[in-house]
Amino acid sequence: MPKAFIMIDVTPGRETAIQDAISKLAGVKMVYQVTGEHDMIAFIDAEPYEEFAVVLSTIRQLSGVRDTDSHLVL
């Protein structure tokens, strides 16, 4: 079962809209705005891998998402 932490960089001013959109996606267990190098962190738990890939692709395509950095759980 693919599980991952996704670090998300967003366009300033779009944080709340993007957080709301990500939180509604199937497989997203949590999403928070954070301080530090990235603007947000989301935890995805999706089965099978293809569903995980769809969730990640959807996040990357959201208007205002500038970049993502995925960390798969071992």
PDB file of N, CA and C in Angstrom:
ATOM      1  N   MET A   1       0.848  -1.173   0.000  1.00  0.00           N
ATOM      2  CA  MET A   1       0.000   0.000   0.000  1.00  0.00           C
ATOM      3  C   MET A   1       0.895   1.238   0.000  1.00  0.00           C
ATOM      4  N   PRO A   2       0.911   2.015  -1.090  1.00  0.00           N
ATOM      5  CA  PRO A   2       1.760   3.200  -1.152  1.00  0.00           C
ATOM      6  C   PRO A   2       1.341   4.273  -0.150  1.00  0.00           C
ATOM      7  N   LYS A   3       2.311   4.706   0.615  1.00  0.00           N
ATOM      8  CA  LYS A   3       2.131   5.796   1.569  1.00  0.00           C
ATOM      9  C   LYS A   3       3.260   6.776   1.331  1.00  0.00           C
ATOM     10  N   ALA A   4       2.940   8.070   1.392  1.00  0.00           N
ATOM     11  CA  ALA A   4       3.986   9.056   1.139  1.00  0.00           C
ATOM     12  C   ALA A   4       3.644  10.383   1.789  1.00  0.00           C
ATOM     13  N   PHE A   5       4.705  11.103   2.140  1.00  0.00           N
ATOM     14  CA  PHE A   5       4.593  12.487   2.546  1.00  0.00           C
ATOM     15  C   PHE A   5       4.940  13.308   1.312  1.00  0.00           C
ATOM     16  N   ILE A   6       4.078  14.268   0.984  1.00  0.00           N
ATOM     17  CA  ILE A   6       4.286  15.115  -0.183  1.00  0.00           C
ATOM     18  C   ILE A   6       4.519  16.540   0.299  1.00  0.00           C
ATOM     19  N   MET A   7       5.688  17.073   0.011  1.00  0.00           N
ATOM     20  CA  MET A   7       5.995  18.463   0.319  1.00  0.00           C
ATOM     21  C   MET A   7       5.524  19.289  -0.878  1.00  0.00           C
ATOM     22  N   ILE A   8       4.829  20.384  -0.603  1.00  0.00           N
ATOM     23  CA  ILE A   8       4.188  21.147  -1.671  1.00  0.00           C
ATOM     24  C   ILE A   8       4.579  22.614  -1.563  1.00  0.00           C
ATOM     25  N   ASP A   9       5.009  23.186  -2.690  1.00  0.00           N
ATOM     26  CA  ASP A   9       5.311  24.616  -2.781  1.00  0.00           C
ATOM     27  C   ASP A   9       4.193  25.270  -3.578  1.00  0.00           C
ATOM     28  N   VAL A  10       3.668  26.388  -3.062  1.00  0.00           N
ATOM     29  CA  VAL A  10       2.527  27.040  -3.701  1.00  0.00           C
ATOM     30  C   VAL A  10       2.799  28.520  -3.958  1.00  0.00           C
ATOM     31  N   THR A  11       2.018  29.056  -4.872  1.00  0.00           N
ATOM     32  CA  THR A  11       2.052  30.486  -5.153  1.00  0.00           C
ATOM     33  C   THR A  11       1.508  31.226  -3.934  1.00  0.00           C
ATOM     34  N   PRO A  12       2.203  32.268  -3.466  1.00  0.00           N
ATOM     35  CA  PRO A  12       1.709  33.022  -2.302  1.00  0.00           C
ATOM     36  C   PRO A  12       0.269  33.499  -2.510  1.00  0.00           C
ATOM     37  N   GLY A  13      -0.521  33.358  -1.453  1.00  0.00           N
ATOM     38  CA  GLY A  13      -1.919  33.753  -1.489  1.00  0.00           C
ATOM     39  C   GLY A  13      -2.871  32.646  -1.876  1.00  0.00           C
ATOM     40  N   ARG A  14      -2.350  31.511  -2.342  1.00  0.00           N
ATOM     41  CA  ARG A  14      -3.186  30.386  -2.787  1.00  0.00           C
ATOM     42  C   ARG A  14      -3.217  29.250  -1.760  1.00  0.00           C
ATOM     43  N   GLU A  15      -2.578  29.445  -0.609  1.00  0.00           N
ATOM     44  CA  GLU A  15      -2.418  28.357   0.366  1.00  0.00           C
ATOM     45  C   GLU A  15      -3.752  27.749   0.808  1.00  0.00           C
ATOM     46  N   THR A  16      -4.696  28.567   1.208  1.00  0.00           N
ATOM     47  CA  THR A  16      -5.956  28.047   1.738  1.00  0.00           C
ATOM     48  C   THR A  16      -6.748  27.310   0.671  1.00  0.00           C
ATOM     49  N   ALA A  17      -6.832  27.868  -0.532  1.00  0.00           N
ATOM     50  CA  ALA A  17      -7.574  27.220  -1.620  1.00  0.00           C
ATOM     51  C   ALA A  17      -6.957  25.877  -1.989  1.00  0.00           C
ATOM     52  N   ILE A  18      -5.632  25.827  -2.044  1.00  0.00           N
ATOM     53  CA  ILE A  18      -4.951  24.580  -2.393  1.00  0.00           C
ATOM     54  C   ILE A  18      -5.102  23.561  -1.267  1.00  0.00           C
ATOM     55  N   GLN A  19      -4.975  23.996  -0.030  1.00  0.00           N
ATOM     56  CA  GLN A  19      -5.150  23.085   1.101  1.00  0.00           C
ATOM     57  C   GLN A  19      -6.553  22.478   1.074  1.00  0.00           C
ATOM     58  N   ASP A  20      -7.562  23.291   0.823  1.00  0.00           N
ATOM     59  CA  ASP A  20      -8.941  22.787   0.756  1.00  0.00           C
ATOM     60  C   ASP A  20      -9.105  21.777  -0.373  1.00  0.00           C
ATOM     61  N   ALA A  21      -8.546  22.074  -1.539  1.00  0.00           N
ATOM     62  CA  ALA A  21      -8.672  21.174  -2.687  1.00  0.00           C
ATOM     63  C   ALA A  21      -7.973  19.839  -2.427  1.00  0.00           C
ATOM     64  N   ILE A  22      -6.785  19.886  -1.857  1.00  0.00           N
ATOM     65  CA  ILE A  22      -6.036  18.659  -1.584  1.00  0.00           C
ATOM     66  C   ILE A  22      -6.747  17.818  -0.524  1.00  0.00           C
ATOM     67  N   SER A  23      -7.287  18.457   0.488  1.00  0.00           N
ATOM     68  CA  SER A  23      -7.934  17.715   1.580  1.00  0.00           C
ATOM     69  C   SER A  23      -9.139  16.910   1.105  1.00  0.00           C
ATOM     70  N   LYS A  24      -9.723  17.278  -0.029  1.00  0.00           N
ATOM     71  CA  LYS A  24     -10.905  16.579  -0.556  1.00  0.00           C
ATOM     72  C   LYS A  24     -10.560  15.392  -1.444  1.00  0.00           C
ATOM     73  N   LEU A  25      -9.286  15.202  -1.767  1.00  0.00           N
ATOM     74  CA  LEU A  25      -8.893  14.107  -2.652  1.00  0.00           C
ATOM     75  C   LEU A  25      -8.899  12.772  -1.916  1.00  0.00           C
ATOM     76  N   ALA A  26      -9.372  11.731  -2.603  1.00  0.00           N
ATOM     77  CA  ALA A  26      -9.357  10.376  -2.038  1.00  0.00           C
ATOM     78  C   ALA A  26      -7.912   9.974  -1.755  1.00  0.00           C
ATOM     79  N   GLY A  27      -7.684   9.372  -0.613  1.00  0.00           N
ATOM     80  CA  GLY A  27      -6.350   8.909  -0.254  1.00  0.00           C
ATOM     81  C   GLY A  27      -5.540   9.911   0.548  1.00  0.00           C
ATOM     82  N   VAL A  28      -5.972  11.153   0.583  1.00  0.00           N
ATOM     83  CA  VAL A  28      -5.259  12.168   1.373  1.00  0.00           C
ATOM     84  C   VAL A  28      -5.744  12.066   2.810  1.00  0.00           C
ATOM     85  N   LYS A  29      -4.848  11.741   3.710  1.00  0.00           N
ATOM     86  CA  LYS A  29      -5.193  11.566   5.122  1.00  0.00           C
ATOM     87  C   LYS A  29      -5.046  12.856   5.916  1.00  0.00           C
ATOM     88  N   MET A  30      -4.136  13.734   5.494  1.00  0.00           N
ATOM     89  CA  MET A  30      -3.986  15.023   6.155  1.00  0.00           C
ATOM     90  C   MET A  30      -3.202  15.942   5.236  1.00  0.00           C
ATOM     91  N   VAL A  31      -3.429  17.246   5.411  1.00  0.00           N
ATOM     92  CA  VAL A  31      -2.651  18.259   4.710  1.00  0.00           C
ATOM     93  C   VAL A  31      -2.576  19.486   5.616  1.00  0.00           C
ATOM     94  N   TYR A  32      -1.352  19.977   5.806  1.00  0.00           N
ATOM     95  CA  TYR A  32      -1.127  21.115   6.698  1.00  0.00           C
ATOM     96  C   TYR A  32      -0.245  22.149   6.014  1.00  0.00           C
ATOM     97  N   GLN A  33      -0.488  23.419   6.336  1.00  0.00           N
ATOM     98  CA  GLN A  33       0.452  24.469   5.987  1.00  0.00           C
ATOM     99  C   GLN A  33       1.560  24.422   7.032  1.00  0.00           C
ATOM    100  N   VAL A  34       2.814  24.556   6.582  1.00  0.00           N
ATOM    101  CA  VAL A  34       3.955  24.435   7.490  1.00  0.00           C
ATOM    102  C   VAL A  34       4.960  25.553   7.238  1.00  0.00           C
ATOM    103  N   THR A  35       5.858  25.733   8.189  1.00  0.00           N
ATOM    104  CA  THR A  35       6.963  26.667   8.009  1.00  0.00           C
ATOM    105  C   THR A  35       8.159  25.886   7.496  1.00  0.00           C
ATOM    106  N   GLY A  36       9.123  26.592   6.949  1.00  0.00           N
ATOM    107  CA  GLY A  36      10.332  25.933   6.481  1.00  0.00           C
ATOM    108  C   GLY A  36      10.475  26.012   4.979  1.00  0.00           C
ATOM    109  N   GLU A  37      11.187  25.062   4.428  1.00  0.00           N
ATOM    110  CA  GLU A  37      11.514  25.062   3.004  1.00  0.00           C
ATOM    111  C   GLU A  37      10.286  24.951   2.105  1.00  0.00           C
ATOM    112  N   HIS A  38       9.263  24.219   2.554  1.00  0.00           N
ATOM    113  CA  HIS A  38       8.045  24.009   1.758  1.00  0.00           C
ATOM    114  C   HIS A  38       6.870  24.709   2.436  1.00  0.00           C
ATOM    115  N   ASP A  39       5.805  24.893   1.676  1.00  0.00           N
ATOM    116  CA  ASP A  39       4.631  25.597   2.184  1.00  0.00           C
ATOM    117  C   ASP A  39       3.602  24.677   2.829  1.00  0.00           C
ATOM    118  N   MET A  40       3.534  23.433   2.350  1.00  0.00           N
ATOM    119  CA  MET A  40       2.553  22.468   2.854  1.00  0.00           C
ATOM    120  C   MET A  40       3.147  21.078   2.875  1.00  0.00           C
ATOM    121  N   ILE A  41       2.520  20.231   3.691  1.00  0.00           N
ATOM    122  CA  ILE A  41       2.846  18.813   3.691  1.00  0.00           C
ATOM    123  C   ILE A  41       1.532  18.042   3.707  1.00  0.00           C
ATOM    124  N   ALA A  42       1.470  17.013   2.866  1.00  0.00           N
ATOM    125  CA  ALA A  42       0.288  16.147   2.816  1.00  0.00           C
ATOM    126  C   ALA A  42       0.741  14.711   3.021  1.00  0.00           C
ATOM    127  N   PHE A  43      -0.136  13.912   3.623  1.00  0.00           N
ATOM    128  CA  PHE A  43       0.129  12.481   3.766  1.00  0.00           C
ATOM    129  C   PHE A  43      -0.892  11.739   2.928  1.00  0.00           C
ATOM    130  N   ILE A  44      -0.398  10.894   2.017  1.00  0.00           N
ATOM    131  CA  ILE A  44      -1.257  10.124   1.119  1.00  0.00           C
ATOM    132  C   ILE A  44      -1.112   8.648   1.449  1.00  0.00           C
ATOM    133  N   ASP A  45      -2.251   7.973   1.519  1.00  0.00           N
ATOM    134  CA  ASP A  45      -2.307   6.529   1.732  1.00  0.00           C
ATOM    135  C   ASP A  45      -3.317   5.988   0.724  1.00  0.00           C
ATOM    136  N   ALA A  46      -2.824   5.528  -0.420  1.00  0.00           N
ATOM    137  CA  ALA A  46      -3.718   5.116  -1.506  1.00  0.00           C
ATOM    138  C   ALA A  46      -3.346   3.732  -2.028  1.00  0.00           C
ATOM    139  N   GLU A  47      -4.345   2.982  -2.407  1.00  0.00           N
ATOM    140  CA  GLU A  47      -4.161   1.619  -2.921  1.00  0.00           C
ATOM    141  C   GLU A  47      -5.018   1.480  -4.160  1.00  0.00           C
ATOM    142  N   PRO A  48      -4.566   0.924  -5.218  1.00  0.00           N
ATOM    143  CA  PRO A  48      -3.204   0.468  -5.515  1.00  0.00           C
ATOM    144  C   PRO A  48      -2.295   1.629  -5.916  1.00  0.00           C
ATOM    145  N   TYR A  49      -1.107   1.299  -6.376  1.00  0.00           N
ATOM    146  CA  TYR A  49      -0.140   2.333  -6.738  1.00  0.00           C
ATOM    147  C   TYR A  49      -0.712   3.294  -7.778  1.00  0.00           C
ATOM    148  N   GLU A  50      -1.487   2.782  -8.716  1.00  0.00           N
ATOM    149  CA  GLU A  50      -2.057   3.635  -9.764  1.00  0.00           C
ATOM    150  C   GLU A  50      -2.943   4.735  -9.172  1.00  0.00           C
ATOM    151  N   GLU A  51      -3.672   4.424  -8.109  1.00  0.00           N
ATOM    152  CA  GLU A  51      -4.506   5.426  -7.444  1.00  0.00           C
ATOM    153  C   GLU A  51      -3.622   6.473  -6.765  1.00  0.00           C
ATOM    154  N   PHE A  52      -2.539   6.031  -6.161  1.00  0.00           N
ATOM    155  CA  PHE A  52      -1.575   6.953  -5.568  1.00  0.00           C
ATOM    156  C   PHE A  52      -1.042   7.912  -6.637  1.00  0.00           C
ATOM    157  N   ALA A  53      -0.689   7.380  -7.797  1.00  0.00           N
ATOM    158  CA  ALA A  53      -0.163   8.196  -8.887  1.00  0.00           C
ATOM    159  C   ALA A  53      -1.190   9.221  -9.366  1.00  0.00           C
ATOM    160  N   VAL A  54      -2.457   8.855  -9.373  1.00  0.00           N
ATOM    161  CA  VAL A  54      -3.522   9.779  -9.777  1.00  0.00           C
ATOM    162  C   VAL A  54      -3.629  10.921  -8.775  1.00  0.00           C
ATOM    163  N   VAL A  55      -3.591  10.606  -7.489  1.00  0.00           N
ATOM    164  CA  VAL A  55      -3.678  11.644  -6.455  1.00  0.00           C
ATOM    165  C   VAL A  55      -2.500  12.605  -6.583  1.00  0.00           C
ATOM    166  N   LEU A  56      -1.310  12.072  -6.732  1.00  0.00           N
ATOM    167  CA  LEU A  56      -0.119  12.915  -6.856  1.00  0.00           C
ATOM    168  C   LEU A  56      -0.201  13.787  -8.109  1.00  0.00           C
ATOM    169  N   SER A  57      -0.611  13.210  -9.209  1.00  0.00           N
ATOM    170  CA  SER A  57      -0.757  13.961 -10.455  1.00  0.00           C
ATOM    171  C   SER A  57      -1.786  15.079 -10.312  1.00  0.00           C
ATOM    172  N   THR A  58      -2.882  14.794  -9.629  1.00  0.00           N
ATOM    173  CA  THR A  58      -3.927  15.793  -9.411  1.00  0.00           C
ATOM    174  C   THR A  58      -3.398  16.957  -8.586  1.00  0.00           C
ATOM    175  N   ILE A  59      -2.637  16.656  -7.542  1.00  0.00           N
ATOM    176  CA  ILE A  59      -2.042  17.716  -6.723  1.00  0.00           C
ATOM    177  C   ILE A  59      -1.131  18.581  -7.585  1.00  0.00           C
ATOM    178  N   ARG A  60      -0.304  17.952  -8.390  1.00  0.00           N
ATOM    179  CA  ARG A  60       0.650  18.699  -9.223  1.00  0.00           C
ATOM    180  C   ARG A  60      -0.039  19.596 -10.243  1.00  0.00           C
ATOM    181  N   GLN A  61      -1.252  19.241 -10.648  1.00  0.00           N
ATOM    182  CA  GLN A  61      -1.967  20.010 -11.669  1.00  0.00           C
ATOM    183  C   GLN A  61      -2.824  21.141 -11.091  1.00  0.00           C
ATOM    184  N   LEU A  62      -2.944  21.226  -9.765  1.00  0.00           N
ATOM    185  CA  LEU A  62      -3.749  22.283  -9.174  1.00  0.00           C
ATOM    186  C   LEU A  62      -3.142  23.651  -9.483  1.00  0.00           C
ATOM    187  N   SER A  63      -4.004  24.592  -9.848  1.00  0.00           N
ATOM    188  CA  SER A  63      -3.558  25.948 -10.128  1.00  0.00           C
ATOM    189  C   SER A  63      -2.973  26.561  -8.864  1.00  0.00           C
ATOM    190  N   GLY A  64      -1.732  26.980  -8.943  1.00  0.00           N
ATOM    191  CA  GLY A  64      -1.058  27.566  -7.792  1.00  0.00           C
ATOM    192  C   GLY A  64      -0.023  26.656  -7.172  1.00  0.00           C
ATOM    193  N   VAL A  65      -0.014  25.366  -7.536  1.00  0.00           N
ATOM    194  CA  VAL A  65       1.037  24.463  -7.049  1.00  0.00           C
ATOM    195  C   VAL A  65       2.258  24.668  -7.941  1.00  0.00           C
ATOM    196  N   ARG A  66       3.354  25.081  -7.333  1.00  0.00           N
ATOM    197  CA  ARG A  66       4.579  25.352  -8.090  1.00  0.00           C
ATOM    198  C   ARG A  66       5.484  24.134  -8.186  1.00  0.00           C
ATOM    199  N   ASP A  67       5.513  23.300  -7.131  1.00  0.00           N
ATOM    200  CA  ASP A  67       6.428  22.156  -7.112  1.00  0.00           C
ATOM    201  C   ASP A  67       5.997  21.196  -6.019  1.00  0.00           C
ATOM    202  N   THR A  68       6.373  19.927  -6.173  1.00  0.00           N
ATOM    203  CA  THR A  68       6.160  18.933  -5.128  1.00  0.00           C
ATOM    204  C   THR A  68       7.448  18.134  -4.935  1.00  0.00           C
ATOM    205  N   ASP A  69       7.557  17.547  -3.761  1.00  0.00           N
ATOM    206  CA  ASP A  69       8.696  16.699  -3.412  1.00  0.00           C
ATOM    207  C   ASP A  69       8.119  15.518  -2.657  1.00  0.00           C
ATOM    208  N   SER A  70       8.196  14.320  -3.243  1.00  0.00           N
ATOM    209  CA  SER A  70       7.538  13.132  -2.667  1.00  0.00           C
ATOM    210  C   SER A  70       8.539  12.291  -1.876  1.00  0.00           C
ATOM    211  N   HIS A  71       8.086  11.824  -0.698  1.00  0.00           N
ATOM    212  CA  HIS A  71       8.891  10.963   0.169  1.00  0.00           C
ATOM    213  C   HIS A  71       8.077   9.727   0.485  1.00  0.00           C
ATOM    214  N   LEU A  72       8.366   8.614  -0.203  1.00  0.00           N
ATOM    215  CA  LEU A  72       7.636   7.363   0.036  1.00  0.00           C
ATOM    216  C   LEU A  72       8.027   6.754   1.366  1.00  0.00           C
ATOM    217  N   VAL A  73       7.054   6.224   2.071  1.00  0.00           N
ATOM    218  CA  VAL A  73       7.280   5.543   3.342  1.00  0.00           C
ATOM    219  C   VAL A  73       7.755   4.129   3.031  1.00  0.00           C
ATOM    220  N   LEU A  74       8.811   3.694   3.677  1.00  0.00           N
ATOM    221  CA  LEU A  74       9.345   2.344   3.454  1.00  0.00           C
ATOM    222  C   LEU A  74       8.656   1.326   4.330  1.00  0.00           C
TER     223      LEU A  74
END
